[in-house]
């Protein structure tokens, strides 16, 4: 799991061309003005999901993980908490669904605050809870999740 700001995006070019392309997309676009929806960047290999969400309390949240895609989650406006735990420390709640590319888990992990202008990168071994409310107070968040094929 990585947490940083787009100002430091170039530091992560060593993670591969696809991750670099995802970060460049986020840096080159005003994500606060993109329409909500799915946008291909490089076909099914890299695509963006532009979302307007309301954060939820931690008791409403479920750990998730993916196998086919890395998640680059960028908070364009607002602030949210995101949870992180290695999937090997979690208990499977819903087995991996290959078509939907996710499994759900129960367990405990760490939470970080992700303010506007910041991104996280979650790899396949990274269980994560996105969209948690700060101090349990739901709030509006504009987020772009770039899915990067492994």
N, C-alpha and C. Protein backbone atom coordinates (compact mmCIF):
# COMPACT_ATOMS: atom_id res chain seq x y z
N UNK A 1 0.85 -1.18 0.00
CA UNK A 1 0.00 0.00 0.00
C UNK A 1 0.89 1.23 0.00
N UNK A 2 0.50 2.20 -0.79
CA UNK A 2 1.22 3.48 -0.88
C UNK A 2 0.21 4.59 -0.66
N UNK A 3 0.64 5.63 0.07
CA UNK A 3 -0.14 6.85 0.25
C UNK A 3 0.80 8.02 -0.02
N UNK A 4 0.39 8.89 -0.96
CA UNK A 4 1.21 10.06 -1.29
C UNK A 4 0.33 11.07 -2.01
N UNK A 5 0.96 12.18 -2.43
CA UNK A 5 0.24 13.20 -3.21
C UNK A 5 0.70 13.15 -4.65
N UNK A 6 -0.11 13.71 -5.54
CA UNK A 6 0.25 13.72 -6.96
C UNK A 6 1.52 14.50 -7.22
N UNK A 7 1.88 15.42 -6.34
CA UNK A 7 3.14 16.16 -6.50
C UNK A 7 4.33 15.21 -6.54
N UNK A 8 4.20 14.05 -5.92
CA UNK A 8 5.29 13.07 -5.87
C UNK A 8 5.09 11.89 -6.80
N UNK A 9 4.15 11.97 -7.71
CA UNK A 9 3.79 10.85 -8.58
C UNK A 9 4.97 10.27 -9.35
N UNK A 10 5.89 11.13 -9.79
CA UNK A 10 7.03 10.67 -10.59
C UNK A 10 7.90 9.66 -9.84
N UNK A 11 7.88 9.71 -8.52
CA UNK A 11 8.67 8.78 -7.70
C UNK A 11 8.25 7.33 -7.89
N UNK A 12 7.07 7.11 -8.40
CA UNK A 12 6.53 5.76 -8.50
C UNK A 12 6.61 5.17 -9.91
N UNK A 13 7.35 5.80 -10.80
CA UNK A 13 7.49 5.28 -12.17
C UNK A 13 8.14 3.91 -12.18
N UNK A 14 8.93 3.59 -11.15
CA UNK A 14 9.57 2.29 -11.06
C UNK A 14 8.60 1.15 -10.83
N UNK A 15 7.35 1.46 -10.53
CA UNK A 15 6.34 0.42 -10.33
C UNK A 15 5.80 -0.13 -11.64
N UNK A 16 6.27 0.43 -12.74
CA UNK A 16 5.86 -0.06 -14.05
C UNK A 16 5.16 1.00 -14.87
N UNK A 17 5.15 0.76 -16.16
CA UNK A 17 4.58 1.71 -17.12
C UNK A 17 3.09 1.95 -16.88
N UNK A 18 2.36 0.90 -16.52
CA UNK A 18 0.92 1.06 -16.33
C UNK A 18 0.60 1.94 -15.12
N UNK A 19 1.30 1.73 -14.02
CA UNK A 19 1.07 2.58 -12.84
C UNK A 19 1.46 4.02 -13.17
N UNK A 20 2.58 4.19 -13.87
CA UNK A 20 3.01 5.54 -14.27
C UNK A 20 1.96 6.20 -15.15
N UNK A 21 1.36 5.44 -16.05
CA UNK A 21 0.31 5.97 -16.93
C UNK A 21 -0.91 6.38 -16.12
N UNK A 22 -1.28 5.57 -15.13
CA UNK A 22 -2.43 5.89 -14.27
C UNK A 22 -2.19 7.19 -13.52
N UNK A 23 -1.02 7.35 -12.95
CA UNK A 23 -0.70 8.56 -12.19
C UNK A 23 -0.63 9.78 -13.10
N UNK A 24 -0.11 9.59 -14.31
CA UNK A 24 -0.05 10.70 -15.28
C UNK A 24 -1.46 11.15 -15.65
N UNK A 25 -2.37 10.19 -15.84
CA UNK A 25 -3.76 10.53 -16.14
C UNK A 25 -4.35 11.41 -15.03
N UNK A 26 -4.13 11.01 -13.79
CA UNK A 26 -4.67 11.78 -12.66
C UNK A 26 -4.05 13.17 -12.58
N UNK A 27 -2.77 13.26 -12.88
CA UNK A 27 -2.06 14.54 -12.82
C UNK A 27 -2.46 15.46 -13.97
N UNK A 28 -2.72 14.89 -15.14
CA UNK A 28 -3.01 15.68 -16.35
C UNK A 28 -4.47 16.13 -16.46
N UNK A 29 -5.34 15.59 -15.63
CA UNK A 29 -6.77 15.92 -15.71
C UNK A 29 -7.23 16.62 -14.43
N UNK A 30 -8.16 17.56 -14.60
CA UNK A 30 -8.80 18.17 -13.44
C UNK A 30 -9.92 17.22 -13.02
N UNK A 31 -9.61 16.35 -12.10
CA UNK A 31 -10.53 15.29 -11.70
C UNK A 31 -11.78 15.80 -11.02
N UNK A 32 -11.78 17.06 -10.59
CA UNK A 32 -12.98 17.64 -9.99
C UNK A 32 -14.02 17.97 -11.05
N UNK A 33 -13.60 18.01 -12.32
CA UNK A 33 -14.51 18.39 -13.39
C UNK A 33 -14.87 17.26 -14.35
N UNK A 34 -14.27 16.10 -14.17
CA UNK A 34 -14.59 14.97 -15.04
C UNK A 34 -16.01 14.49 -14.74
N UNK A 35 -16.74 14.06 -15.76
CA UNK A 35 -18.07 13.50 -15.49
C UNK A 35 -17.96 12.15 -14.77
N UNK A 36 -18.97 11.82 -14.01
CA UNK A 36 -19.02 10.53 -13.33
C UNK A 36 -19.15 9.44 -14.39
N UNK A 37 -18.40 8.36 -14.20
CA UNK A 37 -18.50 7.24 -15.13
C UNK A 37 -17.18 6.51 -15.29
N UNK A 38 -17.18 5.60 -16.25
CA UNK A 38 -16.01 4.77 -16.55
C UNK A 38 -15.36 5.29 -17.83
N UNK A 39 -14.02 5.46 -17.78
CA UNK A 39 -13.30 6.02 -18.92
C UNK A 39 -12.06 5.18 -19.22
N UNK A 40 -11.99 4.59 -20.42
CA UNK A 40 -10.81 3.82 -20.76
C UNK A 40 -9.60 4.74 -20.95
N UNK A 41 -8.47 4.30 -20.44
CA UNK A 41 -7.21 5.00 -20.65
C UNK A 41 -6.37 4.19 -21.63
N UNK A 42 -6.28 2.89 -21.37
CA UNK A 42 -5.68 1.92 -22.30
C UNK A 42 -6.56 0.68 -22.30
N UNK A 43 -7.74 0.82 -22.88
CA UNK A 43 -8.68 -0.29 -22.97
C UNK A 43 -9.00 -0.87 -21.60
N UNK A 44 -8.99 -2.22 -21.50
CA UNK A 44 -9.25 -2.88 -20.23
C UNK A 44 -8.01 -2.97 -19.36
N UNK A 45 -6.86 -2.58 -19.89
CA UNK A 45 -5.62 -2.64 -19.13
C UNK A 45 -5.53 -1.54 -18.07
N UNK A 46 -6.04 -0.36 -18.42
CA UNK A 46 -6.06 0.78 -17.50
C UNK A 46 -7.34 1.56 -17.78
N UNK A 47 -8.15 1.76 -16.76
CA UNK A 47 -9.35 2.58 -16.93
C UNK A 47 -9.66 3.31 -15.63
N UNK A 48 -10.38 4.42 -15.78
CA UNK A 48 -10.72 5.26 -14.63
C UNK A 48 -12.20 5.16 -14.31
N UNK A 49 -12.51 5.12 -13.02
CA UNK A 49 -13.88 5.16 -12.53
C UNK A 49 -14.02 6.45 -11.73
N UNK A 50 -14.77 7.41 -12.28
CA UNK A 50 -14.98 8.69 -11.62
C UNK A 50 -16.24 8.57 -10.79
N UNK A 51 -16.12 8.88 -9.48
CA UNK A 51 -17.21 8.64 -8.55
C UNK A 51 -17.47 9.85 -7.66
N UNK A 52 -18.73 10.11 -7.38
CA UNK A 52 -19.13 11.03 -6.33
C UNK A 52 -19.77 10.17 -5.25
N UNK A 53 -19.13 10.10 -4.10
CA UNK A 53 -19.56 9.21 -3.02
C UNK A 53 -19.85 9.98 -1.74
N UNK A 54 -20.53 9.32 -0.85
CA UNK A 54 -20.66 9.79 0.52
C UNK A 54 -19.94 8.76 1.39
N UNK A 55 -19.04 9.24 2.23
CA UNK A 55 -18.30 8.32 3.08
C UNK A 55 -19.26 7.63 4.06
N UNK A 56 -18.82 6.47 4.56
CA UNK A 56 -19.66 5.68 5.45
C UNK A 56 -18.89 5.39 6.74
N UNK A 57 -19.61 5.04 7.76
CA UNK A 57 -18.96 4.72 9.02
C UNK A 57 -18.23 3.38 8.90
N UNK A 58 -17.26 3.17 9.76
CA UNK A 58 -16.46 1.94 9.68
C UNK A 58 -17.31 0.69 9.87
N UNK A 59 -18.36 0.76 10.68
CA UNK A 59 -19.18 -0.43 10.90
C UNK A 59 -19.98 -0.81 9.65
N UNK A 60 -20.07 0.07 8.67
CA UNK A 60 -20.74 -0.24 7.40
C UNK A 60 -19.74 -0.77 6.36
N UNK A 61 -18.46 -0.72 6.68
CA UNK A 61 -17.41 -1.03 5.72
C UNK A 61 -17.04 -2.51 5.74
N UNK A 62 -16.53 -2.97 4.60
CA UNK A 62 -16.07 -4.35 4.45
C UNK A 62 -14.70 -4.31 3.76
N UNK A 63 -13.79 -5.15 4.22
CA UNK A 63 -12.49 -5.27 3.57
C UNK A 63 -12.67 -5.92 2.20
N UNK A 64 -11.94 -5.43 1.22
CA UNK A 64 -11.98 -5.99 -0.13
C UNK A 64 -10.56 -6.12 -0.66
N UNK A 65 -10.39 -6.96 -1.68
CA UNK A 65 -9.12 -7.08 -2.38
C UNK A 65 -9.40 -7.59 -3.78
N UNK A 66 -8.46 -7.32 -4.68
CA UNK A 66 -8.59 -7.67 -6.09
C UNK A 66 -7.37 -8.48 -6.52
N UNK A 67 -7.52 -9.29 -7.54
CA UNK A 67 -6.39 -10.07 -8.06
C UNK A 67 -5.93 -9.59 -9.44
N UNK A 68 -6.88 -9.15 -10.26
CA UNK A 68 -6.54 -8.79 -11.65
C UNK A 68 -6.07 -7.35 -11.79
N UNK A 69 -6.47 -6.50 -10.84
CA UNK A 69 -6.17 -5.07 -10.96
C UNK A 69 -5.55 -4.51 -9.68
N UNK A 70 -4.66 -3.56 -9.87
CA UNK A 70 -4.15 -2.70 -8.82
C UNK A 70 -5.11 -1.52 -8.77
N UNK A 71 -5.45 -1.06 -7.57
CA UNK A 71 -6.29 0.13 -7.41
C UNK A 71 -5.40 1.34 -7.13
N UNK A 72 -5.53 2.36 -7.97
CA UNK A 72 -4.94 3.67 -7.68
C UNK A 72 -6.13 4.55 -7.35
N UNK A 73 -6.29 4.89 -6.08
CA UNK A 73 -7.47 5.64 -5.63
C UNK A 73 -7.04 7.08 -5.31
N UNK A 74 -7.61 8.02 -6.05
CA UNK A 74 -7.26 9.44 -5.92
C UNK A 74 -8.45 10.22 -5.38
N UNK A 75 -8.25 10.92 -4.28
CA UNK A 75 -9.30 11.77 -3.72
C UNK A 75 -9.14 13.16 -4.36
N UNK A 76 -10.09 13.53 -5.20
CA UNK A 76 -10.04 14.82 -5.91
C UNK A 76 -10.62 15.95 -5.07
N UNK A 77 -11.65 15.64 -4.28
CA UNK A 77 -12.29 16.65 -3.42
C UNK A 77 -12.85 15.94 -2.20
N UNK A 78 -12.72 16.59 -1.05
CA UNK A 78 -13.17 16.01 0.20
C UNK A 78 -12.03 15.28 0.89
N UNK A 79 -12.38 14.45 1.83
CA UNK A 79 -11.39 13.67 2.58
C UNK A 79 -12.07 12.40 3.07
N UNK A 80 -11.31 11.32 3.10
CA UNK A 80 -11.83 10.06 3.62
C UNK A 80 -10.72 9.29 4.30
N UNK A 81 -11.12 8.30 5.08
CA UNK A 81 -10.17 7.35 5.63
C UNK A 81 -10.19 6.11 4.75
N UNK A 82 -9.03 5.49 4.64
CA UNK A 82 -8.94 4.21 3.95
C UNK A 82 -8.22 3.24 4.87
N UNK A 83 -8.76 2.04 4.95
CA UNK A 83 -8.15 1.00 5.75
C UNK A 83 -7.22 0.14 4.92
N UNK A 84 -6.21 -0.43 5.58
CA UNK A 84 -5.27 -1.32 4.94
C UNK A 84 -4.95 -2.48 5.86
N UNK A 85 -4.89 -3.69 5.28
CA UNK A 85 -4.40 -4.88 5.98
C UNK A 85 -3.97 -5.89 4.92
N UNK A 86 -2.88 -6.58 5.17
CA UNK A 86 -2.47 -7.65 4.27
C UNK A 86 -3.55 -8.73 4.30
N UNK A 87 -3.94 -9.24 3.14
CA UNK A 87 -5.04 -10.21 3.09
C UNK A 87 -4.75 -11.48 3.88
N UNK A 88 -3.46 -11.79 4.11
CA UNK A 88 -3.12 -12.99 4.86
C UNK A 88 -3.40 -12.85 6.35
N UNK A 89 -3.71 -11.62 6.79
CA UNK A 89 -4.07 -11.40 8.20
C UNK A 89 -5.58 -11.29 8.38
N UNK A 90 -6.33 -11.39 7.28
CA UNK A 90 -7.80 -11.26 7.30
C UNK A 90 -8.44 -12.62 7.11
N UNK A 91 -9.73 -12.71 7.41
CA UNK A 91 -10.52 -13.93 7.23
C UNK A 91 -11.47 -13.72 6.05
N UNK A 92 -11.51 -14.68 5.15
CA UNK A 92 -12.37 -14.58 3.98
C UNK A 92 -13.83 -14.57 4.41
N UNK A 93 -14.55 -13.56 3.96
CA UNK A 93 -15.99 -13.43 4.22
C UNK A 93 -16.77 -13.88 2.99
N UNK A 94 -16.28 -13.48 1.81
CA UNK A 94 -16.86 -13.91 0.54
C UNK A 94 -15.70 -14.28 -0.38
N UNK A 95 -15.65 -15.53 -0.83
CA UNK A 95 -14.53 -15.96 -1.66
C UNK A 95 -14.39 -15.12 -2.93
N UNK A 96 -13.22 -15.19 -3.51
CA UNK A 96 -12.90 -14.42 -4.70
C UNK A 96 -13.89 -14.71 -5.82
N UNK A 97 -14.42 -13.66 -6.41
CA UNK A 97 -15.32 -13.72 -7.56
C UNK A 97 -14.51 -13.28 -8.77
N UNK A 98 -14.16 -14.21 -9.63
CA UNK A 98 -13.28 -13.91 -10.77
C UNK A 98 -13.90 -12.90 -11.73
N UNK A 99 -15.18 -13.02 -11.98
CA UNK A 99 -15.84 -12.10 -12.91
C UNK A 99 -15.84 -10.67 -12.38
N UNK A 100 -16.12 -10.50 -11.10
CA UNK A 100 -16.16 -9.16 -10.50
C UNK A 100 -14.79 -8.71 -9.98
N UNK A 101 -13.83 -9.61 -9.93
CA UNK A 101 -12.47 -9.36 -9.45
C UNK A 101 -12.44 -8.77 -8.04
N UNK A 102 -13.06 -9.48 -7.11
CA UNK A 102 -12.92 -9.07 -5.71
C UNK A 102 -13.26 -10.23 -4.79
N UNK A 103 -12.68 -10.15 -3.60
CA UNK A 103 -13.04 -11.01 -2.48
C UNK A 103 -13.31 -10.06 -1.31
N UNK A 104 -14.14 -10.50 -0.37
CA UNK A 104 -14.44 -9.71 0.81
C UNK A 104 -13.90 -10.42 2.04
N UNK A 105 -13.52 -9.62 3.04
CA UNK A 105 -12.86 -10.15 4.22
C UNK A 105 -13.39 -9.51 5.49
N UNK A 106 -13.13 -10.19 6.61
CA UNK A 106 -13.34 -9.65 7.96
C UNK A 106 -11.97 -9.54 8.60
N UNK A 107 -11.86 -8.63 9.56
CA UNK A 107 -10.61 -8.53 10.29
C UNK A 107 -10.32 -7.11 10.71
N UNK A 108 -9.07 -6.90 11.10
CA UNK A 108 -8.64 -5.60 11.60
C UNK A 108 -7.44 -5.13 10.78
N UNK A 109 -7.29 -3.82 10.74
CA UNK A 109 -6.15 -3.25 10.04
C UNK A 109 -5.91 -1.83 10.50
N UNK A 110 -5.12 -1.12 9.74
CA UNK A 110 -4.79 0.27 10.03
C UNK A 110 -5.57 1.18 9.11
N UNK A 111 -5.83 2.41 9.58
CA UNK A 111 -6.54 3.40 8.78
C UNK A 111 -5.68 4.64 8.62
N UNK A 112 -5.74 5.23 7.43
CA UNK A 112 -5.03 6.48 7.14
C UNK A 112 -6.02 7.50 6.62
N UNK A 113 -5.74 8.76 6.86
CA UNK A 113 -6.56 9.84 6.33
C UNK A 113 -6.02 10.21 4.95
N UNK A 114 -6.93 10.28 3.98
CA UNK A 114 -6.55 10.58 2.60
C UNK A 114 -7.28 11.86 2.18
N UNK A 115 -6.56 13.00 2.24
CA UNK A 115 -7.19 14.28 1.87
C UNK A 115 -7.17 14.50 0.36
N UNK A 116 -7.89 15.51 -0.08
CA UNK A 116 -7.91 15.88 -1.50
C UNK A 116 -6.48 16.10 -1.99
N UNK A 117 -6.21 15.60 -3.20
CA UNK A 117 -4.88 15.72 -3.80
C UNK A 117 -3.98 14.54 -3.50
N UNK A 118 -4.49 13.59 -2.71
CA UNK A 118 -3.70 12.42 -2.33
C UNK A 118 -4.22 11.17 -3.03
N UNK A 119 -3.31 10.20 -3.18
CA UNK A 119 -3.70 8.92 -3.78
C UNK A 119 -3.16 7.78 -2.93
N UNK A 120 -3.82 6.64 -3.08
CA UNK A 120 -3.33 5.40 -2.50
C UNK A 120 -3.15 4.41 -3.65
N UNK A 121 -2.26 3.47 -3.45
CA UNK A 121 -2.10 2.36 -4.40
C UNK A 121 -2.25 1.09 -3.59
N UNK A 122 -3.23 0.27 -3.98
CA UNK A 122 -3.47 -1.01 -3.34
C UNK A 122 -3.15 -2.12 -4.32
N UNK A 123 -2.24 -3.00 -3.94
CA UNK A 123 -1.83 -4.14 -4.75
C UNK A 123 -2.70 -5.35 -4.40
N UNK A 124 -2.61 -6.45 -5.17
CA UNK A 124 -3.49 -7.59 -4.91
C UNK A 124 -3.43 -8.15 -3.50
N UNK A 125 -2.31 -8.04 -2.81
CA UNK A 125 -2.22 -8.57 -1.44
C UNK A 125 -2.72 -7.57 -0.40
N UNK A 126 -3.13 -6.38 -0.85
CA UNK A 126 -3.57 -5.32 0.06
C UNK A 126 -5.08 -5.33 0.22
N UNK A 127 -5.54 -5.86 1.35
CA UNK A 127 -6.95 -5.70 1.68
C UNK A 127 -7.17 -4.22 2.00
N UNK A 128 -8.30 -3.69 1.57
CA UNK A 128 -8.54 -2.27 1.82
C UNK A 128 -10.02 -1.98 2.03
N UNK A 129 -10.24 -0.92 2.81
CA UNK A 129 -11.58 -0.37 3.02
C UNK A 129 -11.51 1.08 2.55
N UNK A 130 -12.07 1.36 1.39
CA UNK A 130 -12.13 2.75 0.94
C UNK A 130 -13.39 3.43 1.46
N UNK A 131 -13.38 4.75 1.43
CA UNK A 131 -14.60 5.51 1.67
C UNK A 131 -15.10 5.59 3.09
N UNK A 132 -14.22 5.47 4.06
CA UNK A 132 -14.66 5.59 5.45
C UNK A 132 -14.72 7.05 5.87
N UNK A 133 -15.69 7.34 6.70
CA UNK A 133 -15.92 8.71 7.17
C UNK A 133 -14.89 9.10 8.23
N UNK A 134 -14.45 10.34 8.19
CA UNK A 134 -13.57 10.88 9.21
C UNK A 134 -14.42 11.11 10.47
N UNK A 135 -13.94 10.60 11.59
CA UNK A 135 -14.64 10.74 12.88
C UNK A 135 -16.09 10.28 12.81
N UNK A 136 -16.38 9.34 11.91
CA UNK A 136 -17.72 8.79 11.81
C UNK A 136 -18.76 9.71 11.21
N UNK A 137 -18.32 10.84 10.66
CA UNK A 137 -19.25 11.83 10.09
C UNK A 137 -19.27 11.71 8.56
N UNK A 138 -20.31 11.11 7.97
CA UNK A 138 -20.38 10.97 6.51
C UNK A 138 -20.25 12.33 5.82
N UNK A 139 -19.54 12.33 4.70
CA UNK A 139 -19.30 13.55 3.94
C UNK A 139 -19.13 13.21 2.46
N UNK A 140 -19.35 14.20 1.62
CA UNK A 140 -19.20 14.03 0.17
C UNK A 140 -17.72 13.95 -0.21
N UNK A 141 -17.42 13.04 -1.14
CA UNK A 141 -16.06 12.87 -1.66
C UNK A 141 -16.14 12.64 -3.16
N UNK A 142 -15.28 13.33 -3.89
CA UNK A 142 -15.10 13.08 -5.33
C UNK A 142 -13.83 12.25 -5.44
N UNK A 143 -13.95 11.09 -6.06
CA UNK A 143 -12.82 10.18 -6.14
C UNK A 143 -12.72 9.59 -7.54
N UNK A 144 -11.46 9.34 -7.95
CA UNK A 144 -11.21 8.66 -9.20
C UNK A 144 -10.39 7.41 -8.85
N UNK A 145 -10.93 6.25 -9.18
CA UNK A 145 -10.21 5.00 -9.00
C UNK A 145 -9.72 4.56 -10.37
N UNK A 146 -8.41 4.46 -10.50
CA UNK A 146 -7.84 3.97 -11.76
C UNK A 146 -7.48 2.52 -11.54
N UNK A 147 -8.07 1.65 -12.35
CA UNK A 147 -7.83 0.23 -12.29
C UNK A 147 -6.69 -0.09 -13.27
N UNK A 148 -5.64 -0.74 -12.74
CA UNK A 148 -4.43 -1.03 -13.52
C UNK A 148 -4.25 -2.54 -13.54
N UNK A 149 -4.30 -3.13 -14.71
CA UNK A 149 -4.14 -4.57 -14.83
C UNK A 149 -2.76 -4.99 -14.32
N UNK A 150 -2.75 -6.10 -13.57
CA UNK A 150 -1.50 -6.61 -13.00
C UNK A 150 -0.64 -7.17 -14.12
